[in-house]
């Protein structure tokens, strides 16, 4: 049943999972139902579903319910992202101090780049896409830097699925332009957003690699066009690329040849 745009059973299951997470010694069904304000039958049905998917587990000897291994895996994944952000912050501050511009850290999610961390410029007028902000992959320096590491067929499948969004007059509009852009990114080792997401703003970005040799995210510097001339983007790109490679090294990652 849906209520206020949410699925009630999912809300309840997550509530139970949160309750289990606070009880490392486990808990009885009746106690959990009482705490959640649910009928015992409803609580049991939800717990069985969580158990079937690995998010809860039942000890028949002690008749207690515990958090399952899948919940632990999700928590570890979140911790890994937090570690990524923590490791990136000193490099982002160095870039900000060296360039006096805003630095960003982003990841790919469902055809978009999500900014997960940021160090703001100290300039009064600055270019900011706040953490949590999203941009279409092909309108973003970070997005293009990441997907340029993919096989051509995967890039074409991404564009086929999500399309291209001409947000400004400089945005990429067809696969021919995408292919040319990807070739240029691969040749120089960093990517540009030259007023392709927002008119009056430029961005230079490079990839951060994981310990598995896969693209983990993107590191970028964004600035207003009045402070970042087109002719200065290559030098800034080399600096961002070098910082991204050093962050990769600190993270235990490596860039494939």
C-alpha atoms as a PDB file:
ATOM      1  CA  UNK A   1       0.000   0.000   0.000  1.00  0.00           C
ATOM      2  CA  UNK A   2       1.299   3.454  -0.870  1.00  0.00           C
ATOM      3  CA  UNK A   3       1.045   6.367   1.498  1.00  0.00           C
ATOM      4  CA  UNK A   4       2.281   9.914   0.823  1.00  0.00           C
ATOM      5  CA  UNK A   5       4.387   8.742  -2.118  1.00  0.00           C
ATOM      6  CA  UNK A   6       6.025   5.875  -0.198  1.00  0.00           C
ATOM      7  CA  UNK A   7       5.492   2.125  -0.005  1.00  0.00           C
ATOM      8  CA  UNK A   8       4.298   1.341   3.522  1.00  0.00           C
ATOM      9  CA  UNK A   9       5.739  -2.177   3.652  1.00  0.00           C
ATOM     10  CA  UNK A  10       9.166  -0.852   2.650  1.00  0.00           C
ATOM     11  CA  UNK A  11       8.954   1.874   5.293  1.00  0.00           C
ATOM     12  CA  UNK A  12       8.100  -0.718   7.915  1.00  0.00           C
ATOM     13  CA  UNK A  13      10.825  -3.133   6.834  1.00  0.00           C
ATOM     14  CA  UNK A  14      13.432  -0.382   7.003  1.00  0.00           C
ATOM     15  CA  UNK A  15      12.156   0.625  10.424  1.00  0.00           C
ATOM     16  CA  UNK A  16      12.640  -2.963  11.609  1.00  0.00           C
ATOM     17  CA  UNK A  17      16.099  -3.094  10.087  1.00  0.00           C
ATOM     18  CA  UNK A  18      17.083   0.090  11.907  1.00  0.00           C
ATOM     19  CA  UNK A  19      15.749  -1.353  15.149  1.00  0.00           C
ATOM     20  CA  UNK A  20      17.743  -4.569  14.652  1.00  0.00           C
ATOM     21  CA  UNK A  21      20.880  -2.506  14.049  1.00  0.00           C
ATOM     22  CA  UNK A  22      20.618  -1.103  17.588  1.00  0.00           C
ATOM     23  CA  UNK A  23      20.512  -4.592  19.130  1.00  0.00           C
ATOM     24  CA  UNK A  24      23.816  -6.422  18.601  1.00  0.00           C
ATOM     25  CA  UNK A  25      22.626  -9.125  21.004  1.00  0.00           C
ATOM     26  CA  UNK A  26      19.519  -9.744  18.939  1.00  0.00           C
ATOM     27  CA  UNK A  27      15.877  -9.329  19.893  1.00  0.00           C
ATOM     28  CA  UNK A  28      12.724 -11.410  20.179  1.00  0.00           C
ATOM     29  CA  UNK A  29       9.905 -11.081  17.677  1.00  0.00           C
ATOM     30  CA  UNK A  30       7.400  -9.930  20.297  1.00  0.00           C
ATOM     31  CA  UNK A  31       9.757  -7.252  21.625  1.00  0.00           C
ATOM     32  CA  UNK A  32      10.521  -5.946  18.139  1.00  0.00           C
ATOM     33  CA  UNK A  33       6.836  -5.855  17.217  1.00  0.00           C
ATOM     34  CA  UNK A  34       6.028  -3.925  20.392  1.00  0.00           C
ATOM     35  CA  UNK A  35       8.821  -1.420  19.764  1.00  0.00           C
ATOM     36  CA  UNK A  36       7.742  -0.909  16.154  1.00  0.00           C
ATOM     37  CA  UNK A  37       4.062  -0.653  17.035  1.00  0.00           C
ATOM     38  CA  UNK A  38       3.168  -3.449  14.613  1.00  0.00           C
ATOM     39  CA  UNK A  39       1.211  -6.676  14.873  1.00  0.00           C
ATOM     40  CA  UNK A  40       3.349  -9.743  15.540  1.00  0.00           C
ATOM     41  CA  UNK A  41       2.123 -11.349  12.296  1.00  0.00           C
ATOM     42  CA  UNK A  42       3.076  -8.262  10.255  1.00  0.00           C
ATOM     43  CA  UNK A  43       6.461  -8.029  11.943  1.00  0.00           C
ATOM     44  CA  UNK A  44       7.166 -11.695  11.302  1.00  0.00           C
ATOM     45  CA  UNK A  45       6.204 -11.433   7.633  1.00  0.00           C
ATOM     46  CA  UNK A  46       8.521  -8.454   7.134  1.00  0.00           C
ATOM     47  CA  UNK A  47      11.389 -10.125   8.992  1.00  0.00           C
ATOM     48  CA  UNK A  48      11.053 -13.277   6.887  1.00  0.00           C
ATOM     49  CA  UNK A  49      11.253 -11.136   3.747  1.00  0.00           C
ATOM     50  CA  UNK A  50      14.355  -9.380   5.083  1.00  0.00           C
ATOM     51  CA  UNK A  51      15.857 -12.749   5.986  1.00  0.00           C
ATOM     52  CA  UNK A  52      15.158 -14.160   2.541  1.00  0.00           C
ATOM     53  CA  UNK A  53      17.128 -11.263   1.044  1.00  0.00           C
ATOM     54  CA  UNK A  54      19.983 -11.480   3.528  1.00  0.00           C
ATOM     55  CA  UNK A  55      19.181  -8.336   5.524  1.00  0.00           C
ATOM     56  CA  UNK A  56      18.070 -10.166   8.688  1.00  0.00           C
ATOM     57  CA  UNK A  57      18.831 -13.535  10.253  1.00  0.00           C
ATOM     58  CA  UNK A  58      17.102 -15.703  12.817  1.00  0.00           C
ATOM     59  CA  UNK A  59      18.719 -17.851  15.510  1.00  0.00           C
ATOM     60  CA  UNK A  60      16.241 -20.709  16.195  1.00  0.00           C
ATOM     61  CA  UNK A  61      18.107 -21.762  19.333  1.00  0.00           C
ATOM     62  CA  UNK A  62      17.940 -18.386  21.065  1.00  0.00           C
ATOM     63  CA  UNK A  63      14.746 -17.388  19.164  1.00  0.00           C
ATOM     64  CA  UNK A  64      16.250 -14.000  18.401  1.00  0.00           C
ATOM     65  CA  UNK A  65      16.494 -11.885  15.281  1.00  0.00           C
ATOM     66  CA  UNK A  66      19.716 -10.154  14.152  1.00  0.00           C
ATOM     67  CA  UNK A  67      20.937  -7.877  11.365  1.00  0.00           C
ATOM     68  CA  UNK A  68      21.917  -9.931   8.305  1.00  0.00           C
ATOM     69  CA  UNK A  69      25.142  -9.952   6.316  1.00  0.00           C
ATOM     70  CA  UNK A  70      23.674  -7.917   3.428  1.00  0.00           C
ATOM     71  CA  UNK A  71      22.994  -5.028   5.799  1.00  0.00           C
ATOM     72  CA  UNK A  72      26.616  -5.216   6.895  1.00  0.00           C
ATOM     73  CA  UNK A  73      27.756  -5.142   3.254  1.00  0.00           C
ATOM     74  CA  UNK A  74      25.695  -2.015   2.610  1.00  0.00           C
ATOM     75  CA  UNK A  75      27.206  -0.371   5.672  1.00  0.00           C
ATOM     76  CA  UNK A  76      30.714  -1.246   4.524  1.00  0.00           C
ATOM     77  CA  UNK A  77      29.994   0.231   1.099  1.00  0.00           C
ATOM     78  CA  UNK A  78      28.909   3.479   2.730  1.00  0.00           C
ATOM     79  CA  UNK A  79      32.031   3.462   4.890  1.00  0.00           C
ATOM     80  CA  UNK A  80      34.155   2.982   1.771  1.00  0.00           C
ATOM     81  CA  UNK A  81      32.593   6.057   0.171  1.00  0.00           C
ATOM     82  CA  UNK A  82      33.189   8.011   3.356  1.00  0.00           C
ATOM     83  CA  UNK A  83      36.832   6.894   3.251  1.00  0.00           C
ATOM     84  CA  UNK A  84      37.062   8.034  -0.365  1.00  0.00           C
ATOM     85  CA  UNK A  85      35.751  11.476   0.542  1.00  0.00           C
ATOM     86  CA  UNK A  86      38.019  11.747   3.594  1.00  0.00           C
ATOM     87  CA  UNK A  87      41.077  10.816   1.531  1.00  0.00           C
ATOM     88  CA  UNK A  88      40.131  13.287  -1.206  1.00  0.00           C
ATOM     89  CA  UNK A  89      39.624  16.342   0.987  1.00  0.00           C
ATOM     90  CA  UNK A  90      43.342  17.289   1.406  1.00  0.00           C
ATOM     91  CA  UNK A  91      43.840  17.086  -2.363  1.00  0.00           C
ATOM     92  CA  UNK A  92      40.730  19.137  -2.986  1.00  0.00           C
ATOM     93  CA  UNK A  93      41.947  21.799  -0.542  1.00  0.00           C
ATOM     94  CA  UNK A  94      45.350  21.872  -2.224  1.00  0.00           C
ATOM     95  CA  UNK A  95      43.705  22.383  -5.593  1.00  0.00           C
ATOM     96  CA  UNK A  96      41.436  25.086  -4.206  1.00  0.00           C
ATOM     97  CA  UNK A  97      44.358  26.915  -2.614  1.00  0.00           C
ATOM     98  CA  UNK A  98      46.497  26.647  -5.759  1.00  0.00           C
ATOM     99  CA  UNK A  99      43.757  27.765  -8.143  1.00  0.00           C
ATOM    100  CA  UNK A 100      41.530  29.836  -5.818  1.00  0.00           C
ATOM    101  CA  UNK A 101      38.583  28.050  -7.431  1.00  0.00           C
ATOM    102  CA  UNK A 102      35.972  25.524  -6.289  1.00  0.00           C
ATOM    103  CA  UNK A 103      37.015  21.863  -6.310  1.00  0.00           C
ATOM    104  CA  UNK A 104      34.585  18.956  -6.548  1.00  0.00           C
ATOM    105  CA  UNK A 105      34.443  15.196  -6.126  1.00  0.00           C
ATOM    106  CA  UNK A 106      31.783  13.281  -8.039  1.00  0.00           C
ATOM    107  CA  UNK A 107      30.514   9.797  -8.839  1.00  0.00           C
ATOM    108  CA  UNK A 108      28.292   8.354 -11.548  1.00  0.00           C
ATOM    109  CA  UNK A 109      24.741   7.357 -10.720  1.00  0.00           C
ATOM    110  CA  UNK A 110      22.115   6.373 -13.268  1.00  0.00           C
ATOM    111  CA  UNK A 111      23.354   8.486 -16.161  1.00  0.00           C
ATOM    112  CA  UNK A 112      24.243  11.508 -14.046  1.00  0.00           C
ATOM    113  CA  UNK A 113      27.185  12.816 -12.056  1.00  0.00           C
ATOM    114  CA  UNK A 114      26.474  13.415  -8.373  1.00  0.00           C
ATOM    115  CA  UNK A 115      28.713  15.837  -6.494  1.00  0.00           C
ATOM    116  CA  UNK A 116      29.571  14.081  -3.219  1.00  0.00           C
ATOM    117  CA  UNK A 117      32.079  16.577  -1.782  1.00  0.00           C
ATOM    118  CA  UNK A 118      33.233  20.113  -2.437  1.00  0.00           C
ATOM    119  CA  UNK A 119      35.744  22.708  -1.264  1.00  0.00           C
ATOM    120  CA  UNK A 120      34.495  26.179  -2.104  1.00  0.00           C
ATOM    121  CA  UNK A 121      36.476  28.946  -3.723  1.00  0.00           C
ATOM    122  CA  UNK A 122      37.458  31.848  -1.522  1.00  0.00           C
ATOM    123  CA  UNK A 123      36.418  34.279  -4.248  1.00  0.00           C
ATOM    124  CA  UNK A 124      33.344  36.378  -3.492  1.00  0.00           C
ATOM    125  CA  UNK A 125      31.716  35.314  -6.764  1.00  0.00           C
ATOM    126  CA  UNK A 126      32.204  31.591  -7.244  1.00  0.00           C
ATOM    127  CA  UNK A 127      30.934  28.655  -9.275  1.00  0.00           C
ATOM    128  CA  UNK A 128      29.140  26.180  -7.049  1.00  0.00           C
ATOM    129  CA  UNK A 129      27.071  23.065  -7.687  1.00  0.00           C
ATOM    130  CA  UNK A 130      26.342  22.042  -4.119  1.00  0.00           C
ATOM    131  CA  UNK A 131      27.063  18.524  -2.804  1.00  0.00           C
ATOM    132  CA  UNK A 132      24.182  16.311  -3.844  1.00  0.00           C
ATOM    133  CA  UNK A 133      23.766  18.285  -7.051  1.00  0.00           C
ATOM    134  CA  UNK A 134      23.454  16.362 -10.297  1.00  0.00           C
ATOM    135  CA  UNK A 135      24.444  16.920 -13.913  1.00  0.00           C
ATOM    136  CA  UNK A 136      23.960  14.807 -17.043  1.00  0.00           C
ATOM    137  CA  UNK A 137      27.118  12.797 -17.734  1.00  0.00           C
ATOM    138  CA  UNK A 138      27.818  14.315 -21.131  1.00  0.00           C
ATOM    139  CA  UNK A 139      27.361  17.874 -19.834  1.00  0.00           C
ATOM    140  CA  UNK A 140      29.850  17.344 -17.018  1.00  0.00           C
ATOM    141  CA  UNK A 141      33.643  17.378 -16.971  1.00  0.00           C
ATOM    142  CA  UNK A 142      33.697  14.717 -14.261  1.00  0.00           C
ATOM    143  CA  UNK A 143      31.147  12.620 -16.113  1.00  0.00           C
ATOM    144  CA  UNK A 144      33.019  12.742 -19.402  1.00  0.00           C
ATOM    145  CA  UNK A 145      36.342  12.004 -17.686  1.00  0.00           C
ATOM    146  CA  UNK A 146      34.887   8.866 -16.108  1.00  0.00           C
ATOM    147  CA  UNK A 147      33.048   7.469 -19.137  1.00  0.00           C
ATOM    148  CA  UNK A 148      36.064   8.122 -21.393  1.00  0.00           C
ATOM    149  CA  UNK A 149      37.625   5.153 -19.563  1.00  0.00           C
ATOM    150  CA  UNK A 150      34.783   2.900 -20.723  1.00  0.00           C
ATOM    151  CA  UNK A 151      34.696   0.826 -23.927  1.00  0.00           C
ATOM    152  CA  UNK A 152      33.112   2.643 -26.869  1.00  0.00           C
ATOM    153  CA  UNK A 153      30.142   0.263 -26.910  1.00  0.00           C
ATOM    154  CA  UNK A 154      29.361   1.043 -23.257  1.00  0.00           C
ATOM    155  CA  UNK A 155      29.460   4.796 -23.958  1.00  0.00           C
ATOM    156  CA  UNK A 156      27.092   4.411 -26.905  1.00  0.00           C
ATOM    157  CA  UNK A 157      24.737   2.304 -24.763  1.00  0.00           C
ATOM    158  CA  UNK A 158      24.783   5.014 -22.073  1.00  0.00           C
ATOM    159  CA  UNK A 159      23.852   7.702 -24.583  1.00  0.00           C
ATOM    160  CA  UNK A 160      21.177   5.480 -26.131  1.00  0.00           C
ATOM    161  CA  UNK A 161      19.614   4.933 -22.720  1.00  0.00           C
ATOM    162  CA  UNK A 162      19.820   8.444 -21.276  1.00  0.00           C
ATOM    163  CA  UNK A 163      20.121  10.620 -24.377  1.00  0.00           C
ATOM    164  CA  UNK A 164      21.974  13.918 -24.714  1.00  0.00           C
ATOM    165  CA  UNK A 165      20.699  17.115 -23.115  1.00  0.00           C
ATOM    166  CA  UNK A 166      21.604  20.313 -24.959  1.00  0.00           C
ATOM    167  CA  UNK A 167      21.421  22.612 -21.939  1.00  0.00           C
ATOM    168  CA  UNK A 168      23.509  25.326 -23.598  1.00  0.00           C
ATOM    169  CA  UNK A 169      24.610  26.141 -27.129  1.00  0.00           C
ATOM    170  CA  UNK A 170      27.917  24.335 -26.423  1.00  0.00           C
ATOM    171  CA  UNK A 171      26.423  21.051 -25.174  1.00  0.00           C
ATOM    172  CA  UNK A 172      27.115  17.840 -27.111  1.00  0.00           C
ATOM    173  CA  UNK A 173      24.226  17.058 -29.443  1.00  0.00           C
ATOM    174  CA  UNK A 174      24.988  13.820 -31.295  1.00  0.00           C
ATOM    175  CA  UNK A 175      27.153  10.697 -31.146  1.00  0.00           C
ATOM    176  CA  UNK A 176      29.625  12.085 -33.671  1.00  0.00           C
ATOM    177  CA  UNK A 177      30.402  14.945 -31.274  1.00  0.00           C
ATOM    178  CA  UNK A 178      30.532  12.508 -28.337  1.00  0.00           C
ATOM    179  CA  UNK A 179      33.042  10.252 -30.119  1.00  0.00           C
ATOM    180  CA  UNK A 180      35.297  13.196 -30.984  1.00  0.00           C
ATOM    181  CA  UNK A 181      35.129  14.457 -27.402  1.00  0.00           C
ATOM    182  CA  UNK A 182      35.969  11.042 -25.929  1.00  0.00           C
ATOM    183  CA  UNK A 183      38.974  10.683 -28.242  1.00  0.00           C
ATOM    184  CA  UNK A 184      40.297  14.079 -27.141  1.00  0.00           C
ATOM    185  CA  UNK A 185      39.827  13.227 -23.454  1.00  0.00           C
ATOM    186  CA  UNK A 186      41.681   9.953 -23.818  1.00  0.00           C
ATOM    187  CA  UNK A 187      44.550  11.693 -25.608  1.00  0.00           C
ATOM    188  CA  UNK A 188      45.109  14.397 -22.974  1.00  0.00           C
ATOM    189  CA  UNK A 189      44.073  12.521 -19.812  1.00  0.00           C
ATOM    190  CA  UNK A 190      41.472  14.998 -18.572  1.00  0.00           C
ATOM    191  CA  UNK A 191      38.093  16.377 -19.590  1.00  0.00           C
ATOM    192  CA  UNK A 192      36.452  19.765 -20.048  1.00  0.00           C
ATOM    193  CA  UNK A 193      33.011  21.159 -19.447  1.00  0.00           C
ATOM    194  CA  UNK A 194      33.291  24.339 -21.508  1.00  0.00           C
ATOM    195  CA  UNK A 195      29.956  26.026 -20.690  1.00  0.00           C
ATOM    196  CA  UNK A 196      28.141  22.779 -21.548  1.00  0.00           C
ATOM    197  CA  UNK A 197      26.112  22.574 -18.344  1.00  0.00           C
ATOM    198  CA  UNK A 198      25.849  26.235 -17.374  1.00  0.00           C
ATOM    199  CA  UNK A 199      26.682  29.224 -19.558  1.00  0.00           C
ATOM    200  CA  UNK A 200      29.474  31.278 -18.034  1.00  0.00           C
ATOM    201  CA  UNK A 201      31.088  28.364 -16.173  1.00  0.00           C
ATOM    202  CA  UNK A 202      33.964  26.054 -17.089  1.00  0.00           C
ATOM    203  CA  UNK A 203      35.194  22.873 -15.421  1.00  0.00           C
ATOM    204  CA  UNK A 204      38.276  20.686 -15.793  1.00  0.00           C
ATOM    205  CA  UNK A 205      38.199  17.101 -14.470  1.00  0.00           C
ATOM    206  CA  UNK A 206      40.159  13.858 -14.217  1.00  0.00           C
ATOM    207  CA  UNK A 207      39.511  10.315 -13.022  1.00  0.00           C
ATOM    208  CA  UNK A 208      40.354   8.819  -9.647  1.00  0.00           C
ATOM    209  CA  UNK A 209      41.019   5.070  -9.934  1.00  0.00           C
ATOM    210  CA  UNK A 210      40.095   2.291  -7.512  1.00  0.00           C
ATOM    211  CA  UNK A 211      42.323  -0.540  -6.204  1.00  0.00           C
ATOM    212  CA  UNK A 212      40.655  -2.708  -8.856  1.00  0.00           C
ATOM    213  CA  UNK A 213      41.864  -0.405 -11.624  1.00  0.00           C
ATOM    214  CA  UNK A 214      38.347   0.878 -12.293  1.00  0.00           C
ATOM    215  CA  UNK A 215      37.115   4.489 -12.318  1.00  0.00           C
ATOM    216  CA  UNK A 216      36.078   5.352  -8.783  1.00  0.00           C
ATOM    217  CA  UNK A 217      35.002   8.953  -9.362  1.00  0.00           C
ATOM    218  CA  UNK A 218      36.031  12.297 -10.751  1.00  0.00           C
ATOM    219  CA  UNK A 219      38.015  15.219  -9.349  1.00  0.00           C
ATOM    220  CA  UNK A 220      37.399  18.656 -10.831  1.00  0.00           C
ATOM    221  CA  UNK A 221      37.972  22.385 -10.607  1.00  0.00           C
ATOM    222  CA  UNK A 222      35.112  24.656 -11.669  1.00  0.00           C
ATOM    223  CA  UNK A 223      35.338  28.377 -12.299  1.00  0.00           C
ATOM    224  CA  UNK A 224      33.562  31.260 -13.943  1.00  0.00           C
ATOM    225  CA  UNK A 225      34.674  31.891 -17.510  1.00  0.00           C
ATOM    226  CA  UNK A 226      35.781  35.403 -16.564  1.00  0.00           C
ATOM    227  CA  UNK A 227      38.480  33.813 -14.376  1.00  0.00           C
ATOM    228  CA  UNK A 228      39.235  30.653 -16.370  1.00  0.00           C
ATOM    229  CA  UNK A 229      40.041  31.501 -19.967  1.00  0.00           C
ATOM    230  CA  UNK A 230      39.747  28.794 -22.614  1.00  0.00           C
ATOM    231  CA  UNK A 231      43.493  29.044 -23.203  1.00  0.00           C
ATOM    232  CA  UNK A 232      44.250  28.233 -19.570  1.00  0.00           C
ATOM    233  CA  UNK A 233      42.207  25.035 -19.379  1.00  0.00           C
ATOM    234  CA  UNK A 234      44.967  22.699 -20.590  1.00  0.00           C
ATOM    235  CA  UNK A 235      47.420  23.778 -17.885  1.00  0.00           C
ATOM    236  CA  UNK A 236      44.735  23.493 -15.217  1.00  0.00           C
ATOM    237  CA  UNK A 237      43.732  20.105 -16.601  1.00  0.00           C
ATOM    238  CA  UNK A 238      47.271  18.793 -16.209  1.00  0.00           C
ATOM    239  CA  UNK A 239      47.286  19.951 -12.576  1.00  0.00           C
ATOM    240  CA  UNK A 240      43.928  18.286 -11.860  1.00  0.00           C
ATOM    241  CA  UNK A 241      45.074  15.084 -13.596  1.00  0.00           C
ATOM    242  CA  UNK A 242      48.235  14.959 -11.472  1.00  0.00           C
ATOM    243  CA  UNK A 243      46.253  15.479  -8.256  1.00  0.00           C
ATOM    244  CA  UNK A 244      43.772  12.782  -9.283  1.00  0.00           C
ATOM    245  CA  UNK A 245      46.636  10.343  -9.912  1.00  0.00           C
ATOM    246  CA  UNK A 246      48.206  11.171  -6.547  1.00  0.00           C
ATOM    247  CA  UNK A 247      44.833  10.625  -4.828  1.00  0.00           C
ATOM    248  CA  UNK A 248      44.584   7.341  -6.719  1.00  0.00           C
ATOM    249  CA  UNK A 249      47.966   6.313  -5.290  1.00  0.00           C
ATOM    250  CA  UNK A 250      46.908   7.225  -1.736  1.00  0.00           C
ATOM    251  CA  UNK A 251      43.711   5.208  -2.162  1.00  0.00           C
ATOM    252  CA  UNK A 252      45.740   2.181  -3.273  1.00  0.00           C
ATOM    253  CA  UNK A 253      44.354   2.465  -6.785  1.00  0.00           C
ATOM    254  CA  UNK A 254      46.009   2.246 -10.160  1.00  0.00           C
ATOM    255  CA  UNK A 255      45.321   3.512 -13.661  1.00  0.00           C
ATOM    256  CA  UNK A 256      45.329   0.892 -16.455  1.00  0.00           C
ATOM    257  CA  UNK A 257      47.788   1.465 -19.283  1.00  0.00           C
END
